[in-house]
């Protein structure tokens, strides 16, 4: 059970770290766009602008994609699954490992 709790804590810290990376990247993009106002051609704001493709709005500004958050979420779901198994069926899990 201790290993499951440690895994959940590491997974949550991983998600928190990814969130802080996203905030840092978004802040840098904001500063680049502000700095770009002094340039003759708005190269960066064109690259970071929201665009519509196929009727679905996609924002290039979002730093983290679903793929980058999928792995820690799958680990989290796995740890929760094993915690539930260990809670409801402790005798099967403990006896099968010996």
C-alpha atoms as a PDB file:
ATOM      1  CA  UNK A   1       0.000   0.000   0.000  1.00  0.00           C
ATOM      2  CA  UNK A   2       2.894   2.329   0.734  1.00  0.00           C
ATOM      3  CA  UNK A   3       4.222   1.929  -2.793  1.00  0.00           C
ATOM      4  CA  UNK A   4       0.811   2.860  -4.221  1.00  0.00           C
ATOM      5  CA  UNK A   5       0.621   6.010  -2.074  1.00  0.00           C
ATOM      6  CA  UNK A   6       4.150   7.008  -3.094  1.00  0.00           C
ATOM      7  CA  UNK A   7       3.245   6.405  -6.744  1.00  0.00           C
ATOM      8  CA  UNK A   8       0.135   8.576  -6.448  1.00  0.00           C
ATOM      9  CA  UNK A   9       2.160  11.361  -4.810  1.00  0.00           C
ATOM     10  CA  UNK A  10       4.825  11.206  -7.541  1.00  0.00           C
ATOM     11  CA  UNK A  11       2.165  11.211 -10.253  1.00  0.00           C
ATOM     12  CA  UNK A  12       0.427  14.246  -8.754  1.00  0.00           C
ATOM     13  CA  UNK A  13       3.752  16.069  -8.465  1.00  0.00           C
ATOM     14  CA  UNK A  14       4.464  15.165 -12.117  1.00  0.00           C
ATOM     15  CA  UNK A  15       1.125  16.699 -13.155  1.00  0.00           C
ATOM     16  CA  UNK A  16       1.874  19.798 -11.074  1.00  0.00           C
ATOM     17  CA  UNK A  17       5.289  20.120 -12.708  1.00  0.00           C
ATOM     18  CA  UNK A  18       3.745  19.890 -16.191  1.00  0.00           C
ATOM     19  CA  UNK A  19       1.231  22.570 -15.204  1.00  0.00           C
ATOM     20  CA  UNK A  20       4.034  24.898 -14.084  1.00  0.00           C
ATOM     21  CA  UNK A  21       5.876  24.274 -17.374  1.00  0.00           C
ATOM     22  CA  UNK A  22       2.698  25.217 -19.253  1.00  0.00           C
ATOM     23  CA  UNK A  23       2.353  28.430 -17.271  1.00  0.00           C
ATOM     24  CA  UNK A  24       6.000  29.308 -17.907  1.00  0.00           C
ATOM     25  CA  UNK A  25       5.685  28.720 -21.652  1.00  0.00           C
ATOM     26  CA  UNK A  26       2.452  30.721 -21.834  1.00  0.00           C
ATOM     27  CA  UNK A  27       4.137  33.610 -20.011  1.00  0.00           C
ATOM     28  CA  UNK A  28       7.118  33.537 -22.370  1.00  0.00           C
ATOM     29  CA  UNK A  29       4.838  33.543 -25.392  1.00  0.00           C
ATOM     30  CA  UNK A  30       2.965  36.519 -23.958  1.00  0.00           C
ATOM     31  CA  UNK A  31       6.235  38.422 -23.474  1.00  0.00           C
ATOM     32  CA  UNK A  32       7.429  37.594 -26.999  1.00  0.00           C
ATOM     33  CA  UNK A  33       4.163  38.874 -28.461  1.00  0.00           C
ATOM     34  CA  UNK A  34       4.432  42.072 -26.396  1.00  0.00           C
ATOM     35  CA  UNK A  35       8.022  42.569 -27.530  1.00  0.00           C
ATOM     36  CA  UNK A  36       7.015  41.905 -31.106  1.00  0.00           C
ATOM     37  CA  UNK A  37       4.899  45.056 -31.185  1.00  0.00           C
ATOM     38  CA  UNK A  38       8.146  46.958 -31.819  1.00  0.00           C
ATOM     39  CA  UNK A  39       9.000  44.798 -34.850  1.00  0.00           C
ATOM     40  CA  UNK A  40       7.959  45.780 -38.384  1.00  0.00           C
ATOM     41  CA  UNK A  41       6.384  42.364 -39.124  1.00  0.00           C
ATOM     42  CA  UNK A  42       4.259  40.414 -36.600  1.00  0.00           C
ATOM     43  CA  UNK A  43       5.875  37.005 -37.135  1.00  0.00           C
ATOM     44  CA  UNK A  44       5.275  35.504 -33.697  1.00  0.00           C
ATOM     45  CA  UNK A  45       1.684  36.610 -33.200  1.00  0.00           C
ATOM     46  CA  UNK A  46       0.784  35.055 -36.542  1.00  0.00           C
ATOM     47  CA  UNK A  47       2.356  31.791 -35.433  1.00  0.00           C
ATOM     48  CA  UNK A  48       0.695  31.792 -32.001  1.00  0.00           C
ATOM     49  CA  UNK A  49      -2.710  33.013 -33.095  1.00  0.00           C
ATOM     50  CA  UNK A  50      -5.779  30.840 -32.733  1.00  0.00           C
ATOM     51  CA  UNK A  51      -7.007  29.307 -35.931  1.00  0.00           C
ATOM     52  CA  UNK A  52     -10.027  27.405 -37.032  1.00  0.00           C
ATOM     53  CA  UNK A  53      -9.566  24.120 -38.791  1.00  0.00           C
ATOM     54  CA  UNK A  54     -12.443  21.901 -39.681  1.00  0.00           C
ATOM     55  CA  UNK A  55     -14.911  23.848 -37.537  1.00  0.00           C
ATOM     56  CA  UNK A  56     -12.954  23.079 -34.377  1.00  0.00           C
ATOM     57  CA  UNK A  57     -11.014  25.824 -32.641  1.00  0.00           C
ATOM     58  CA  UNK A  58      -7.397  24.884 -31.956  1.00  0.00           C
ATOM     59  CA  UNK A  59      -5.103  27.175 -30.046  1.00  0.00           C
ATOM     60  CA  UNK A  60      -1.411  27.051 -30.725  1.00  0.00           C
ATOM     61  CA  UNK A  61      -0.837  28.996 -27.499  1.00  0.00           C
ATOM     62  CA  UNK A  62      -1.643  26.014 -25.326  1.00  0.00           C
ATOM     63  CA  UNK A  63       1.729  24.633 -24.364  1.00  0.00           C
ATOM     64  CA  UNK A  64       0.670  21.190 -23.172  1.00  0.00           C
ATOM     65  CA  UNK A  65      -1.215  18.823 -25.370  1.00  0.00           C
ATOM     66  CA  UNK A  66      -3.428  15.928 -24.463  1.00  0.00           C
ATOM     67  CA  UNK A  67      -0.581  13.533 -25.299  1.00  0.00           C
ATOM     68  CA  UNK A  68       1.720  15.142 -22.749  1.00  0.00           C
ATOM     69  CA  UNK A  69      -0.881  14.896 -19.988  1.00  0.00           C
ATOM     70  CA  UNK A  70      -2.046  11.407 -20.989  1.00  0.00           C
ATOM     71  CA  UNK A  71       0.895   9.500 -19.512  1.00  0.00           C
ATOM     72  CA  UNK A  72       0.689  10.909 -15.958  1.00  0.00           C
ATOM     73  CA  UNK A  73      -3.096  10.531 -16.034  1.00  0.00           C
ATOM     74  CA  UNK A  74      -2.750   6.866 -17.038  1.00  0.00           C
ATOM     75  CA  UNK A  75      -0.268   6.292 -14.216  1.00  0.00           C
ATOM     76  CA  UNK A  76      -2.663   7.979 -11.784  1.00  0.00           C
ATOM     77  CA  UNK A  77      -5.579   5.824 -12.955  1.00  0.00           C
ATOM     78  CA  UNK A  78      -3.403   2.717 -12.673  1.00  0.00           C
ATOM     79  CA  UNK A  79      -2.365   3.525  -9.116  1.00  0.00           C
ATOM     80  CA  UNK A  80      -5.972   4.215  -8.124  1.00  0.00           C
ATOM     81  CA  UNK A  81      -7.024   0.928  -9.734  1.00  0.00           C
ATOM     82  CA  UNK A  82      -4.420  -1.034  -7.776  1.00  0.00           C
ATOM     83  CA  UNK A  83      -5.332   0.805  -4.563  1.00  0.00           C
ATOM     84  CA  UNK A  84      -8.985  -0.177  -5.024  1.00  0.00           C
ATOM     85  CA  UNK A  85      -7.976  -3.780  -5.750  1.00  0.00           C
ATOM     86  CA  UNK A  86      -5.789  -3.852  -2.663  1.00  0.00           C
ATOM     87  CA  UNK A  87      -8.549  -2.344  -0.547  1.00  0.00           C
ATOM     88  CA  UNK A  88     -11.345  -4.684  -1.672  1.00  0.00           C
ATOM     89  CA  UNK A  89      -9.346  -7.878  -2.373  1.00  0.00           C
ATOM     90  CA  UNK A  90      -6.295  -7.809  -0.091  1.00  0.00           C
ATOM     91  CA  UNK A  91      -6.107 -11.575   0.418  1.00  0.00           C
ATOM     92  CA  UNK A  92      -5.944 -12.375  -3.313  1.00  0.00           C
ATOM     93  CA  UNK A  93      -3.293  -9.788  -4.069  1.00  0.00           C
ATOM     94  CA  UNK A  94      -1.093 -10.511  -1.046  1.00  0.00           C
ATOM     95  CA  UNK A  95      -1.364 -14.320  -1.312  1.00  0.00           C
ATOM     96  CA  UNK A  96      -0.653 -14.368  -5.066  1.00  0.00           C
ATOM     97  CA  UNK A  97       2.583 -12.411  -4.630  1.00  0.00           C
ATOM     98  CA  UNK A  98       4.071 -14.978  -2.210  1.00  0.00           C
END
